[in-house]
N, C-alpha and C. Protein backbone atom coordinates (compact mmCIF):
# COMPACT_ATOMS: atom_id res chain seq x y z
N MET A 1 80.30 75.47 63.40
CA MET A 1 78.88 74.91 62.80
C MET A 1 78.95 73.64 63.55
N ARG A 2 77.65 73.27 63.79
CA ARG A 2 77.49 71.72 64.56
C ARG A 2 76.75 70.66 63.32
N ASN A 3 76.57 69.84 63.50
CA ASN A 3 76.36 68.60 63.00
C ASN A 3 74.69 68.75 62.69
N ILE A 4 74.04 68.40 61.46
CA ILE A 4 72.78 68.48 61.19
C ILE A 4 72.28 67.29 60.35
N ILE A 5 70.91 66.60 61.35
CA ILE A 5 70.52 65.31 61.05
C ILE A 5 69.03 66.09 60.36
N ILE A 6 68.49 65.71 59.33
CA ILE A 6 67.08 65.78 59.06
C ILE A 6 66.64 63.96 58.82
N THR A 7 65.01 64.45 59.46
CA THR A 7 64.55 63.21 59.97
C THR A 7 63.01 63.66 59.26
N PRO A 8 62.40 63.19 58.20
CA PRO A 8 61.42 63.56 57.82
C PRO A 8 59.97 62.56 58.82
N VAL A 9 59.14 63.33 58.84
CA VAL A 9 58.10 63.14 60.04
C VAL A 9 56.67 63.22 59.04
N LEU A 10 55.28 62.75 59.82
CA LEU A 10 54.37 63.27 59.13
C LEU A 10 53.99 64.23 58.29
N ASN A 11 53.95 65.15 59.28
CA ASN A 11 53.70 66.71 58.55
C ASN A 11 54.90 67.58 58.21
N GLY A 12 55.85 67.11 58.08
CA GLY A 12 57.32 68.13 57.92
C GLY A 12 58.56 67.58 58.21
N TRP A 13 59.39 68.37 59.03
CA TRP A 13 60.54 67.83 59.21
C TRP A 13 61.17 67.82 60.41
N VAL A 14 61.69 67.45 61.04
CA VAL A 14 62.68 67.71 62.43
C VAL A 14 64.21 67.69 61.63
N CYS A 15 64.77 68.91 62.57
CA CYS A 15 65.81 68.73 62.46
C CYS A 15 66.62 69.14 63.47
N LYS A 16 67.78 68.12 63.64
CA LYS A 16 68.34 67.98 64.80
C LYS A 16 69.75 68.75 64.84
N VAL A 17 69.87 69.68 64.92
CA VAL A 17 71.29 71.01 65.09
C VAL A 17 71.96 70.61 66.42
N GLY A 18 73.31 69.85 66.48
CA GLY A 18 73.73 69.57 67.71
C GLY A 18 72.96 68.72 68.43
N CYS A 19 72.50 69.25 69.65
CA CYS A 19 71.55 68.99 70.18
C CYS A 19 70.16 69.66 70.92
N SER A 20 69.90 70.35 69.75
CA SER A 20 68.75 71.00 69.90
C SER A 20 68.05 70.74 68.58
N GLU A 21 66.51 70.73 68.52
CA GLU A 21 65.91 69.85 67.89
C GLU A 21 64.49 71.13 67.11
N VAL A 22 64.79 71.11 65.72
CA VAL A 22 63.96 72.14 65.42
C VAL A 22 63.04 71.49 64.44
N VAL A 23 61.74 72.03 65.01
CA VAL A 23 60.48 71.64 63.47
C VAL A 23 59.85 72.56 62.40
N PHE A 24 60.06 72.05 61.18
CA PHE A 24 59.53 72.35 59.89
C PHE A 24 58.20 72.03 59.45
N ASP A 25 57.09 72.90 58.87
CA ASP A 25 56.18 71.94 58.32
C ASP A 25 56.49 72.52 56.78
N SER A 26 57.58 73.51 56.58
CA SER A 26 57.51 74.03 55.20
C SER A 26 58.87 73.83 54.61
N LYS A 27 58.79 73.16 53.53
CA LYS A 27 60.23 72.57 52.81
C LYS A 27 61.24 73.53 52.80
N GLY A 28 60.32 74.72 52.06
CA GLY A 28 61.21 75.77 51.39
C GLY A 28 62.26 76.62 52.58
N VAL A 29 60.98 76.72 53.52
CA VAL A 29 61.44 77.46 54.65
C VAL A 29 62.56 76.72 55.70
N MET A 30 62.43 75.16 55.96
CA MET A 30 63.72 74.64 56.01
C MET A 30 64.93 74.84 55.64
N LEU A 31 65.03 74.92 54.24
CA LEU A 31 66.08 75.36 53.05
C LEU A 31 66.27 76.30 53.13
N GLN A 32 65.65 77.40 53.46
CA GLN A 32 66.34 78.55 53.71
C GLN A 32 66.70 79.00 55.13
N ARG A 33 66.26 78.13 56.41
CA ARG A 33 66.55 78.58 57.54
C ARG A 33 67.53 77.55 57.79
N LEU A 34 68.22 76.60 57.11
CA LEU A 34 69.69 75.97 57.01
C LEU A 34 70.55 76.55 56.25
N SER A 35 70.14 77.01 55.10
CA SER A 35 71.21 77.92 54.26
C SER A 35 71.70 79.22 55.14
N ASP A 36 70.79 79.78 55.47
CA ASP A 36 70.63 80.79 56.65
C ASP A 36 72.20 80.30 57.86
N TYR A 37 71.43 79.27 58.74
CA TYR A 37 72.27 78.92 59.46
C TYR A 37 73.76 78.41 59.00
N ILE A 38 74.15 77.82 57.60
CA ILE A 38 75.36 77.39 57.29
C ILE A 38 76.43 78.60 56.91
N ASP A 39 75.63 79.94 56.50
CA ASP A 39 76.31 81.37 56.20
C ASP A 39 77.00 81.87 57.51
N ASN A 40 75.50 81.57 58.78
CA ASN A 40 76.03 82.50 59.82
C ASN A 40 75.64 81.61 60.87
N PRO A 41 76.17 81.07 61.29
CA PRO A 41 76.12 79.78 62.27
C PRO A 41 75.30 80.63 63.97
N LEU A 42 76.63 80.96 63.95
CA LEU A 42 76.48 81.84 65.37
C LEU A 42 74.95 82.40 65.65
N ALA A 43 75.17 84.01 64.42
CA ALA A 43 73.79 84.58 64.37
C ALA A 43 72.06 83.83 64.23
N VAL A 44 72.25 82.22 64.02
CA VAL A 44 71.24 82.04 63.59
C VAL A 44 70.69 80.77 65.02
N GLU A 45 72.04 80.37 65.30
CA GLU A 45 71.33 79.73 67.05
C GLU A 45 71.17 81.08 67.47
N LYS A 46 71.86 82.26 67.86
CA LYS A 46 71.10 83.08 68.92
C LYS A 46 70.14 83.96 68.84
N GLU A 47 69.59 83.81 67.36
CA GLU A 47 68.10 84.20 67.13
C GLU A 47 67.18 82.88 67.76
N PHE A 48 67.50 81.88 67.18
CA PHE A 48 66.49 80.90 67.77
C PHE A 48 66.35 80.69 69.32
N GLN A 49 67.40 80.69 69.86
CA GLN A 49 67.46 80.92 71.57
C GLN A 49 66.83 81.62 72.14
N THR A 50 66.85 83.08 71.87
CA THR A 50 66.07 84.02 71.99
C THR A 50 64.73 84.12 72.28
N LYS A 51 64.14 83.31 70.43
CA LYS A 51 62.96 83.36 70.42
C LYS A 51 62.23 81.45 70.58
N ALA A 52 62.86 80.43 71.70
CA ALA A 52 62.91 79.29 71.77
C ALA A 52 61.64 79.66 72.90
N LEU A 53 60.68 78.71 72.34
CA LEU A 53 59.22 78.47 73.49
C LEU A 53 59.66 77.98 74.89
N ASN A 54 60.20 76.99 74.72
CA ASN A 54 60.85 76.33 75.56
C ASN A 54 61.84 76.94 76.97
N LYS A 55 62.24 78.59 76.46
CA LYS A 55 63.15 79.01 77.10
C LYS A 55 62.96 78.92 78.56
N PHE A 56 62.25 78.60 78.90
CA PHE A 56 61.80 79.08 80.53
C PHE A 56 61.17 77.65 80.82
N THR A 57 61.28 76.74 81.42
CA THR A 57 60.79 75.46 81.95
C THR A 57 59.08 75.96 82.42
N ASN A 58 59.06 77.08 83.00
CA ASN A 58 57.81 77.09 83.98
C ASN A 58 56.81 77.47 82.72
N GLN A 59 57.57 77.93 81.33
CA GLN A 59 56.34 79.32 80.76
C GLN A 59 55.46 78.17 79.33
N VAL A 60 54.66 78.57 79.76
CA VAL A 60 53.51 77.04 78.35
C VAL A 60 52.90 78.43 77.41
N PRO A 61 52.86 78.15 76.73
CA PRO A 61 52.27 79.46 75.50
C PRO A 61 50.49 79.74 75.80
N GLU A 62 49.97 80.46 75.75
CA GLU A 62 48.56 80.36 76.28
C GLU A 62 47.38 79.87 75.18
N PRO A 63 46.77 78.85 75.83
CA PRO A 63 45.37 78.29 75.02
C PRO A 63 45.15 78.86 74.02
N ALA A 64 44.91 78.40 72.61
CA ALA A 64 44.10 79.52 72.03
C ALA A 64 42.88 79.77 72.38
N MET A 65 42.19 80.74 71.30
CA MET A 65 41.09 81.33 72.06
C MET A 65 39.96 80.92 71.62
N SER A 66 38.35 81.02 72.20
CA SER A 66 37.43 80.36 71.16
C SER A 66 36.64 80.73 70.76
N GLU A 67 35.70 81.03 69.99
CA GLU A 67 34.78 81.50 69.17
C GLU A 67 34.15 82.80 70.21
N ALA A 68 34.70 82.68 71.28
CA ALA A 68 33.43 83.87 72.18
C ALA A 68 35.01 85.12 72.64
N GLY A 69 35.76 84.43 71.92
CA GLY A 69 36.98 84.96 72.40
C GLY A 69 37.59 84.92 74.26
N CYS A 70 37.61 83.89 74.51
CA CYS A 70 37.40 83.75 75.69
C CYS A 70 38.08 81.97 76.24
N SER A 71 39.17 82.03 76.42
CA SER A 71 39.40 80.56 77.54
C SER A 71 39.57 80.07 78.70
N SER A 72 39.35 78.92 79.15
CA SER A 72 39.04 78.73 80.81
C SER A 72 40.06 77.76 80.97
N ALA A 73 40.95 77.29 80.02
CA ALA A 73 41.88 76.35 79.99
C ALA A 73 42.88 76.48 80.81
N PRO A 74 43.24 76.02 81.78
CA PRO A 74 44.43 76.20 82.50
C PRO A 74 45.81 76.18 81.99
N THR A 75 46.76 76.94 81.82
CA THR A 75 47.81 76.44 81.29
C THR A 75 48.65 74.98 82.04
N LEU A 76 49.50 74.29 81.59
CA LEU A 76 50.46 73.51 82.08
C LEU A 76 50.64 74.13 83.79
N ALA A 77 51.54 75.28 83.36
CA ALA A 77 52.17 75.81 84.77
C ALA A 77 50.92 75.82 85.81
N GLN A 78 49.74 76.45 85.88
CA GLN A 78 47.89 76.62 86.40
C GLN A 78 47.76 75.21 87.08
N ARG A 79 48.42 73.94 86.22
CA ARG A 79 47.23 72.79 86.93
C ARG A 79 48.09 72.56 88.21
N PRO A 80 47.52 71.75 88.64
CA PRO A 80 48.01 70.78 89.93
C PRO A 80 48.27 69.71 89.41
N ILE A 81 49.80 69.55 89.75
CA ILE A 81 50.74 67.99 89.90
C ILE A 81 49.39 66.59 90.80
N GLU A 82 49.64 66.07 89.79
CA GLU A 82 48.40 64.83 90.24
C GLU A 82 49.28 63.52 90.25
N ARG A 83 48.83 62.94 91.53
CA ARG A 83 49.86 61.88 91.68
C ARG A 83 48.83 60.60 91.32
N ILE A 84 49.17 59.65 90.17
CA ILE A 84 48.84 58.47 89.95
C ILE A 84 48.88 57.45 90.99
N ASN A 85 48.55 56.42 91.73
CA ASN A 85 48.19 55.72 92.53
C ASN A 85 47.86 54.25 91.95
N ARG A 86 48.72 53.38 91.65
CA ARG A 86 48.79 52.21 90.47
C ARG A 86 49.04 50.76 91.48
């Protein structure tokens, strides 16, 4: 089992487990997941790694759909890289 550090933030908690960080907005969910982790750390780590949002650096979640049912906003992967000269 890895070290666990819980930091309260404006809308919830950031739990640092080893070198990974997980954000919770519900105290009950956070406590249940930490309990699951203490009971079986390897299984919970494997679950979080397979469901990680940033598992692949070039994958970005699709933007939320508008009321019209479509979104024209490009994802980060589709946006051109712009150089800012100062």
